[in-house]
Amino acid sequence: MLDLNWDLALIDAAECWMTPLLRSAPMIVVSVATVPGLWALDHALHVTGRATTAICVLLGPSTKKWPKSLHNATPPAVRAVDVAERLFTVPLDASLGLSGLNPDPLPTHLVAACQTIFDRVVEDTKGTENHVSI
């Protein structure tokens, strides 16, 4: 797993050790459920060329609870990911946002949301060199 808070275009152009991973490994792109977050997600999908294979995660409410303005601001590539059932939401947790991870168990609603994403990664990687399993 790579947690990249870097410009993906720079990684792609740099031809460094991360470039092959950026191009072929299972990709989960995480952003926040805001207008700028949706556009950042759209940018990441276009820069990597992985719009049809990336799994996208938005931190915030489920898409059913989004205000109309957020739905209206959703870029076409992000809409396509949603239609392809590759867009997931994970609720924000105020206590984790404040204190970060600690030895306590994660809240069950977060575990459930992440399990759904993990199950999708496992399904997507079956039969490939990148197969994920426990």
N, C-alpha and C. Protein backbone atom coordinates (compact mmCIF):
# COMPACT_ATOMS: atom_id res chain seq x y z
N MET A 1 0.84 -1.17 0.00
CA MET A 1 0.00 0.00 0.00
C MET A 1 0.89 1.23 0.00
N LEU A 2 0.52 2.16 -0.85
CA LEU A 2 1.20 3.45 -0.88
C LEU A 2 0.19 4.52 -0.52
N ASP A 3 0.52 5.33 0.44
CA ASP A 3 -0.31 6.46 0.81
C ASP A 3 0.37 7.68 0.22
N LEU A 4 -0.11 8.10 -0.94
CA LEU A 4 0.56 9.16 -1.68
C LEU A 4 -0.19 10.47 -1.57
N ASN A 5 0.45 11.41 -0.96
CA ASN A 5 -0.11 12.76 -0.94
C ASN A 5 0.76 13.62 -1.85
N TRP A 6 1.06 13.05 -3.00
CA TRP A 6 1.90 13.72 -3.98
C TRP A 6 1.10 13.93 -5.25
N ASP A 7 1.62 14.77 -6.10
CA ASP A 7 1.01 14.98 -7.40
C ASP A 7 1.25 13.72 -8.24
N LEU A 8 0.18 13.05 -8.61
CA LEU A 8 0.30 11.78 -9.34
C LEU A 8 0.95 11.97 -10.70
N ALA A 9 0.78 13.12 -11.32
CA ALA A 9 1.42 13.38 -12.61
C ALA A 9 2.94 13.41 -12.46
N LEU A 10 3.43 13.93 -11.35
CA LEU A 10 4.88 13.95 -11.12
C LEU A 10 5.43 12.54 -10.93
N ILE A 11 4.70 11.70 -10.21
CA ILE A 11 5.14 10.32 -10.00
C ILE A 11 5.17 9.59 -11.34
N ASP A 12 4.16 9.80 -12.15
CA ASP A 12 4.10 9.14 -13.45
C ASP A 12 5.24 9.60 -14.35
N ALA A 13 5.54 10.88 -14.34
CA ALA A 13 6.59 11.42 -15.20
C ALA A 13 7.99 11.10 -14.68
N ALA A 14 8.14 10.86 -13.38
CA ALA A 14 9.46 10.67 -12.77
C ALA A 14 10.08 9.33 -13.12
N GLU A 15 9.27 8.36 -13.51
CA GLU A 15 9.78 7.01 -13.77
C GLU A 15 10.59 6.50 -12.58
N CYS A 16 10.01 6.62 -11.39
CA CYS A 16 10.66 6.13 -10.18
C CYS A 16 10.09 4.76 -9.81
N TRP A 17 10.47 4.23 -8.67
CA TRP A 17 10.02 2.90 -8.27
C TRP A 17 8.51 2.82 -8.07
N MET A 18 7.86 3.97 -7.84
CA MET A 18 6.41 3.97 -7.65
C MET A 18 5.64 3.97 -8.96
N THR A 19 6.28 4.36 -10.06
CA THR A 19 5.58 4.51 -11.33
C THR A 19 4.93 3.20 -11.79
N PRO A 20 5.63 2.06 -11.78
CA PRO A 20 4.96 0.83 -12.21
C PRO A 20 3.77 0.46 -11.32
N LEU A 21 3.87 0.75 -10.02
CA LEU A 21 2.75 0.48 -9.11
C LEU A 21 1.57 1.37 -9.45
N LEU A 22 1.86 2.62 -9.74
CA LEU A 22 0.80 3.57 -10.09
C LEU A 22 0.06 3.12 -11.35
N ARG A 23 0.78 2.46 -12.24
CA ARG A 23 0.19 2.05 -13.52
C ARG A 23 -0.51 0.69 -13.47
N SER A 24 -0.12 -0.19 -12.52
CA SER A 24 -0.67 -1.55 -12.61
C SER A 24 -1.24 -2.14 -11.33
N ALA A 25 -0.81 -1.72 -10.18
CA ALA A 25 -1.30 -2.31 -8.93
C ALA A 25 -2.74 -1.89 -8.68
N PRO A 26 -3.48 -2.67 -7.90
CA PRO A 26 -4.83 -2.24 -7.54
C PRO A 26 -4.78 -0.83 -6.95
N MET A 27 -5.65 0.04 -7.43
CA MET A 27 -5.60 1.43 -7.00
C MET A 27 -6.89 1.82 -6.28
N ILE A 28 -6.71 2.38 -5.11
CA ILE A 28 -7.82 2.96 -4.37
C ILE A 28 -7.49 4.44 -4.20
N VAL A 29 -8.35 5.27 -4.74
CA VAL A 29 -8.15 6.72 -4.66
C VAL A 29 -9.15 7.24 -3.63
N VAL A 30 -8.63 7.98 -2.65
CA VAL A 30 -9.46 8.48 -1.55
C VAL A 30 -9.50 10.00 -1.60
N SER A 31 -10.69 10.52 -1.41
CA SER A 31 -10.87 11.97 -1.36
C SER A 31 -12.01 12.26 -0.38
N VAL A 32 -12.39 13.50 -0.28
CA VAL A 32 -13.50 13.88 0.60
C VAL A 32 -14.72 14.24 -0.24
N ALA A 33 -15.88 14.05 0.33
CA ALA A 33 -17.14 14.31 -0.36
C ALA A 33 -17.46 15.81 -0.32
N THR A 34 -16.66 16.57 -1.04
CA THR A 34 -16.86 18.01 -1.21
C THR A 34 -16.66 18.31 -2.69
N VAL A 35 -17.04 19.49 -3.14
CA VAL A 35 -16.83 19.84 -4.54
C VAL A 35 -15.33 19.79 -4.89
N PRO A 36 -14.45 20.42 -4.10
CA PRO A 36 -13.02 20.30 -4.42
C PRO A 36 -12.53 18.85 -4.35
N GLY A 37 -13.06 18.07 -3.43
CA GLY A 37 -12.67 16.67 -3.32
C GLY A 37 -13.06 15.86 -4.54
N LEU A 38 -14.25 16.13 -5.08
CA LEU A 38 -14.70 15.44 -6.29
C LEU A 38 -13.82 15.79 -7.48
N TRP A 39 -13.44 17.07 -7.58
CA TRP A 39 -12.59 17.47 -8.69
C TRP A 39 -11.17 16.92 -8.53
N ALA A 40 -10.69 16.79 -7.30
CA ALA A 40 -9.38 16.16 -7.07
C ALA A 40 -9.43 14.69 -7.47
N LEU A 41 -10.52 14.03 -7.15
CA LEU A 41 -10.70 12.63 -7.54
C LEU A 41 -10.73 12.51 -9.06
N ASP A 42 -11.46 13.38 -9.71
CA ASP A 42 -11.53 13.39 -11.17
C ASP A 42 -10.13 13.58 -11.77
N HIS A 43 -9.38 14.51 -11.21
CA HIS A 43 -8.01 14.76 -11.69
C HIS A 43 -7.15 13.50 -11.55
N ALA A 44 -7.23 12.84 -10.39
CA ALA A 44 -6.43 11.63 -10.17
C ALA A 44 -6.81 10.53 -11.17
N LEU A 45 -8.09 10.40 -11.46
CA LEU A 45 -8.52 9.38 -12.43
C LEU A 45 -7.97 9.68 -13.82
N HIS A 46 -7.97 10.94 -14.21
CA HIS A 46 -7.47 11.30 -15.54
C HIS A 46 -5.95 11.19 -15.63
N VAL A 47 -5.25 11.64 -14.60
CA VAL A 47 -3.79 11.62 -14.62
C VAL A 47 -3.25 10.19 -14.67
N THR A 48 -3.89 9.30 -13.94
CA THR A 48 -3.41 7.92 -13.89
C THR A 48 -3.91 7.07 -15.05
N GLY A 49 -4.94 7.53 -15.73
CA GLY A 49 -5.51 6.73 -16.80
C GLY A 49 -6.22 5.49 -16.27
N ARG A 50 -6.62 5.52 -15.00
CA ARG A 50 -7.20 4.34 -14.36
C ARG A 50 -8.69 4.54 -14.04
N ALA A 51 -9.37 5.37 -14.80
CA ALA A 51 -10.77 5.69 -14.51
C ALA A 51 -11.67 4.46 -14.55
N THR A 52 -11.30 3.45 -15.33
CA THR A 52 -12.17 2.27 -15.41
C THR A 52 -11.77 1.16 -14.45
N THR A 53 -10.60 1.29 -13.81
CA THR A 53 -10.16 0.22 -12.91
C THR A 53 -9.98 0.65 -11.47
N ALA A 54 -9.84 1.93 -11.23
CA ALA A 54 -9.60 2.40 -9.85
C ALA A 54 -10.87 2.26 -9.01
N ILE A 55 -10.65 1.98 -7.76
CA ILE A 55 -11.72 2.02 -6.78
C ILE A 55 -11.62 3.38 -6.11
N CYS A 56 -12.74 4.06 -6.00
CA CYS A 56 -12.74 5.40 -5.45
C CYS A 56 -13.51 5.42 -4.13
N VAL A 57 -12.94 6.09 -3.16
CA VAL A 57 -13.54 6.19 -1.83
C VAL A 57 -13.67 7.66 -1.49
N LEU A 58 -14.87 8.03 -1.09
CA LEU A 58 -15.11 9.39 -0.63
C LEU A 58 -15.43 9.36 0.85
N LEU A 59 -14.74 10.18 1.60
CA LEU A 59 -14.99 10.29 3.04
C LEU A 59 -16.13 11.28 3.25
N GLY A 60 -17.17 10.79 3.90
CA GLY A 60 -18.33 11.64 4.14
C GLY A 60 -19.60 10.82 4.04
N PRO A 61 -20.72 11.50 3.89
CA PRO A 61 -22.00 10.80 3.85
C PRO A 61 -22.16 9.98 2.58
N SER A 62 -23.07 9.01 2.62
CA SER A 62 -23.37 8.22 1.42
C SER A 62 -23.91 9.15 0.34
N THR A 63 -23.75 8.75 -0.90
CA THR A 63 -24.17 9.61 -2.01
C THR A 63 -25.66 9.91 -1.95
N LYS A 64 -26.44 9.04 -1.35
CA LYS A 64 -27.88 9.29 -1.22
C LYS A 64 -28.18 10.49 -0.32
N LYS A 65 -27.23 10.82 0.55
CA LYS A 65 -27.43 11.93 1.48
C LYS A 65 -26.73 13.22 1.04
N TRP A 66 -26.14 13.21 -0.14
CA TRP A 66 -25.46 14.40 -0.62
C TRP A 66 -26.47 15.49 -0.95
N PRO A 67 -26.09 16.74 -0.72
CA PRO A 67 -26.95 17.83 -1.18
C PRO A 67 -26.97 17.87 -2.72
N LYS A 68 -28.01 18.43 -3.26
CA LYS A 68 -28.17 18.50 -4.72
C LYS A 68 -26.98 19.20 -5.37
N SER A 69 -26.44 20.21 -4.70
CA SER A 69 -25.31 20.95 -5.26
C SER A 69 -24.08 20.05 -5.45
N LEU A 70 -23.89 19.09 -4.55
CA LEU A 70 -22.76 18.18 -4.68
C LEU A 70 -22.99 17.20 -5.83
N HIS A 71 -24.21 16.70 -5.95
CA HIS A 71 -24.54 15.83 -7.10
C HIS A 71 -24.33 16.58 -8.41
N ASN A 72 -24.77 17.82 -8.46
CA ASN A 72 -24.66 18.60 -9.69
C ASN A 72 -23.21 18.92 -10.04
N ALA A 73 -22.33 18.97 -9.05
CA ALA A 73 -20.92 19.31 -9.29
C ALA A 73 -20.06 18.08 -9.59
N THR A 74 -20.66 16.90 -9.57
CA THR A 74 -19.88 15.68 -9.78
C THR A 74 -19.39 15.59 -11.22
N PRO A 75 -18.06 15.51 -11.42
CA PRO A 75 -17.51 15.43 -12.77
C PRO A 75 -17.92 14.13 -13.46
N PRO A 76 -17.95 14.11 -14.79
CA PRO A 76 -18.37 12.93 -15.53
C PRO A 76 -17.58 11.65 -15.20
N ALA A 77 -16.27 11.75 -15.02
CA ALA A 77 -15.49 10.54 -14.71
C ALA A 77 -15.89 9.96 -13.37
N VAL A 78 -16.20 10.81 -12.40
CA VAL A 78 -16.62 10.33 -11.09
C VAL A 78 -18.02 9.73 -11.19
N ARG A 79 -18.88 10.32 -11.99
CA ARG A 79 -20.21 9.73 -12.22
C ARG A 79 -20.07 8.34 -12.82
N ALA A 80 -19.16 8.19 -13.78
CA ALA A 80 -18.96 6.89 -14.43
C ALA A 80 -18.47 5.85 -13.43
N VAL A 81 -17.60 6.25 -12.52
CA VAL A 81 -17.11 5.34 -11.47
C VAL A 81 -18.28 4.91 -10.59
N ASP A 82 -19.15 5.84 -10.28
CA ASP A 82 -20.33 5.53 -9.45
C ASP A 82 -21.25 4.56 -10.18
N VAL A 83 -21.52 4.82 -11.45
CA VAL A 83 -22.39 3.93 -12.23
C VAL A 83 -21.79 2.53 -12.32
N ALA A 84 -20.47 2.44 -12.41
CA ALA A 84 -19.77 1.16 -12.49
C ALA A 84 -19.64 0.48 -11.12
N GLU A 85 -20.24 1.07 -10.11
CA GLU A 85 -20.21 0.55 -8.74
C GLU A 85 -18.78 0.41 -8.21
N ARG A 86 -17.96 1.41 -8.53
CA ARG A 86 -16.58 1.45 -8.06
C ARG A 86 -16.36 2.65 -7.13
N LEU A 87 -17.46 3.30 -6.75
CA LEU A 87 -17.40 4.44 -5.84
C LEU A 87 -18.00 4.04 -4.50
N PHE A 88 -17.23 4.21 -3.45
CA PHE A 88 -17.66 3.84 -2.11
C PHE A 88 -17.57 5.07 -1.21
N THR A 89 -18.38 5.08 -0.19
CA THR A 89 -18.27 6.14 0.80
C THR A 89 -17.93 5.52 2.16
N VAL A 90 -17.17 6.26 2.90
CA VAL A 90 -16.80 5.86 4.26
C VAL A 90 -17.15 7.05 5.16
N PRO A 91 -17.98 6.81 6.16
CA PRO A 91 -18.38 7.93 7.02
C PRO A 91 -17.19 8.50 7.79
N LEU A 92 -17.22 9.79 7.97
CA LEU A 92 -16.20 10.43 8.81
C LEU A 92 -16.48 10.07 10.27
N ASP A 93 -15.44 9.92 11.03
CA ASP A 93 -15.58 9.63 12.45
C ASP A 93 -14.90 10.76 13.22
N ALA A 94 -15.68 11.52 13.96
CA ALA A 94 -15.15 12.71 14.65
C ALA A 94 -14.04 12.36 15.62
N SER A 95 -14.17 11.25 16.34
CA SER A 95 -13.15 10.91 17.33
C SER A 95 -11.82 10.57 16.65
N LEU A 96 -11.86 9.86 15.52
CA LEU A 96 -10.62 9.56 14.80
C LEU A 96 -10.05 10.81 14.15
N GLY A 97 -10.93 11.69 13.70
CA GLY A 97 -10.46 12.94 13.12
C GLY A 97 -9.73 13.80 14.12
N LEU A 98 -10.15 13.72 15.36
CA LEU A 98 -9.55 14.52 16.41
C LEU A 98 -8.27 13.90 16.95
N SER A 99 -8.31 12.61 17.26
CA SER A 99 -7.17 11.98 17.95
C SER A 99 -6.35 11.04 17.08
N GLY A 100 -6.85 10.66 15.91
CA GLY A 100 -6.12 9.73 15.05
C GLY A 100 -6.29 8.29 15.53
N LEU A 101 -5.58 7.40 14.88
CA LEU A 101 -5.64 5.99 15.26
C LEU A 101 -4.99 5.77 16.62
N ASN A 102 -5.53 4.83 17.34
CA ASN A 102 -4.97 4.44 18.63
C ASN A 102 -5.23 2.95 18.81
N PRO A 103 -4.84 2.35 19.92
CA PRO A 103 -5.00 0.90 20.09
C PRO A 103 -6.46 0.44 20.22
N ASP A 104 -7.40 1.36 20.39
CA ASP A 104 -8.80 0.96 20.52
C ASP A 104 -9.32 0.37 19.21
N PRO A 105 -10.28 -0.53 19.29
CA PRO A 105 -10.88 -1.07 18.06
C PRO A 105 -11.53 0.05 17.24
N LEU A 106 -11.48 -0.12 15.94
CA LEU A 106 -12.15 0.85 15.07
C LEU A 106 -13.66 0.74 15.24
N PRO A 107 -14.36 1.84 15.08
CA PRO A 107 -15.83 1.78 15.15
C PRO A 107 -16.38 0.80 14.12
N THR A 108 -17.42 0.07 14.50
CA THR A 108 -17.94 -0.99 13.63
C THR A 108 -18.44 -0.44 12.30
N HIS A 109 -18.98 0.78 12.26
CA HIS A 109 -19.46 1.31 10.99
C HIS A 109 -18.31 1.56 10.01
N LEU A 110 -17.12 1.88 10.53
CA LEU A 110 -15.96 2.05 9.66
C LEU A 110 -15.45 0.70 9.17
N VAL A 111 -15.42 -0.26 10.06
CA VAL A 111 -14.97 -1.61 9.67
C VAL A 111 -15.88 -2.16 8.58
N ALA A 112 -17.19 -1.99 8.75
CA ALA A 112 -18.14 -2.48 7.76
C ALA A 112 -17.93 -1.81 6.40
N ALA A 113 -17.73 -0.50 6.40
CA ALA A 113 -17.51 0.22 5.15
C ALA A 113 -16.23 -0.23 4.48
N CYS A 114 -15.19 -0.41 5.26
CA CYS A 114 -13.90 -0.83 4.70
C CYS A 114 -13.92 -2.29 4.24
N GLN A 115 -14.71 -3.12 4.88
CA GLN A 115 -14.84 -4.52 4.46
C GLN A 115 -15.43 -4.60 3.06
N THR A 116 -16.39 -3.75 2.76
CA THR A 116 -17.00 -3.72 1.44
C THR A 116 -15.96 -3.35 0.38
N ILE A 117 -15.12 -2.39 0.70
CA ILE A 117 -14.06 -1.98 -0.23
C ILE A 117 -13.05 -3.11 -0.40
N PHE A 118 -12.65 -3.72 0.69
CA PHE A 118 -11.70 -4.83 0.62
C PHE A 118 -12.25 -5.97 -0.22
N ASP A 119 -13.52 -6.30 -0.02
CA ASP A 119 -14.15 -7.37 -0.81
C ASP A 119 -14.08 -7.06 -2.30
N ARG A 120 -14.25 -5.79 -2.67
CA ARG A 120 -14.18 -5.40 -4.08
C ARG A 120 -12.77 -5.56 -4.62
N VAL A 121 -11.76 -5.19 -3.82
CA VAL A 121 -10.37 -5.35 -4.25
C VAL A 121 -10.06 -6.83 -4.45
N VAL A 122 -10.50 -7.67 -3.54
CA VAL A 122 -10.27 -9.11 -3.68
C VAL A 122 -10.91 -9.61 -4.97
N GLU A 123 -12.15 -9.22 -5.22
CA GLU A 123 -12.85 -9.65 -6.43
C GLU A 123 -12.13 -9.17 -7.69
N ASP A 124 -11.69 -7.92 -7.69
CA ASP A 124 -11.02 -7.34 -8.85
C ASP A 124 -9.67 -7.99 -9.15
N THR A 125 -9.00 -8.51 -8.14
CA THR A 125 -7.65 -9.04 -8.34
C THR A 125 -7.61 -10.56 -8.51
N LYS A 126 -8.74 -11.22 -8.42
CA LYS A 126 -8.73 -12.68 -8.62
C LYS A 126 -8.13 -13.03 -9.95
N GLY A 127 -7.23 -14.02 -9.94
CA GLY A 127 -6.62 -14.48 -11.17
C GLY A 127 -5.54 -13.59 -11.72
N THR A 128 -5.09 -12.60 -10.94
CA THR A 128 -4.03 -11.72 -11.41
C THR A 128 -2.82 -11.85 -10.49
N GLU A 129 -1.70 -11.31 -10.93
CA GLU A 129 -0.50 -11.35 -10.10
C GLU A 129 -0.65 -10.47 -8.86
N ASN A 130 -1.64 -9.60 -8.87
CA ASN A 130 -1.87 -8.70 -7.75
C ASN A 130 -2.96 -9.22 -6.81
N HIS A 131 -3.28 -10.52 -6.90
CA HIS A 131 -4.38 -11.06 -6.09
C HIS A 131 -4.18 -10.75 -4.62
N VAL A 132 -5.25 -10.26 -4.02
CA VAL A 132 -5.26 -9.89 -2.61
C VAL A 132 -6.08 -10.93 -1.87
N SER A 133 -5.56 -11.43 -0.79
CA SER A 133 -6.32 -12.36 0.04
C SER A 133 -5.83 -12.23 1.47
N ILE A 134 -6.57 -12.85 2.34
CA ILE A 134 -6.16 -12.83 3.76
C ILE A 134 -5.49 -14.13 4.09
